[in-house]
Amino acid sequence: MILLHALRSALFIVWLAVTVVPVALAVLLVSVFVRGNPVYWTCVFWLRLAIWGARFICGVRWRIQGMEHLPSAEQSQSAVVLLAKHQSTWETFAFPTLMPHPLAYVFKRELLYIPFFGWAMARMDMIHIDRSKRAQAWSKVAARGRELAKRGIWVIMFPEGTRIARGKKGEYKTGGTRLAIETGVPVVPIAATSARCWPRKSFLLRPGVVDISIGQPIASSGREPAELMREVEAWIEGEMQRLDPEAYAHSPAPQRDTAIPA
């Protein structure tokens, strides 16, 4: 069985490598003439190829609940900050394909150096930062976040900062809530059980279902970053235990408040 998973995973990696080159070249060509949404949705086309490749080659399926908590099409200019659990590469590929609105990731600038993949990312309205320069990094996030919020673009951040092993919890940093408070937009917590199928630091994918749960928006007005992040953390970790009880069998259930609608 492990050999079968390894063979399917290897085929999936080949699929990613083969498909990223022509799409990245198309992005670079399109970006010469236009910027913004055409470039974004061209990139999303490759991400769709990626997650559908994971589904049909490796058997990684998904199901989502809580989509009604996101701003509707009629609220297209309503910006939010999405704060998501980060266990795997899968959700970084999947979220732009699953959301009905353009997203802007906050990510380390080293990703821009990856051939084709990084070159295409550089053409998108994203926020790339130098993690070694914390003060400058936050200033850039704040400035770009305000600009994107005015345009109604949703910023997505992973509060734990890096991929976390299944059943574990990292340190929730307040950058996302600071940004939400500074821009006056609500935060939306998201739980995702992607490590069930694609563990961190591994290219061995297993068939199964990734559960994604989107919480109610939480108003940021009048809140403190640390206090707001504690509410986000409690919701996400509580939801993770509900979605993936097997992984958290020996963990105490966290106390969490009901999210206050924005």
Foldseek 3Di string as FASTA:
>chain_A
DLVLLVVLLVVLVVQLVVPLQVLLVVLVVVLVPDADPVLQVSLLVSLVSNLVSCCPSAQEAEDEPDLVQDDDPVVQLAEEEEEEAAFAVNCVSCVCVPHPHAEAEEEALVLLPPPSNNVSNVRHLYQHAHVVDPVVSLVSCLVSLLVVSNRSHYYYYHQLRHHDFQLDDHDGHLSRLVSCASNFHWYKYKEKRLCVAGGPPDSRGHRDYIYMYIAHTAGSHPDDSVVVSVQSVLVRQQVSCVVCVVSNVPPDRGDHDHGDHD
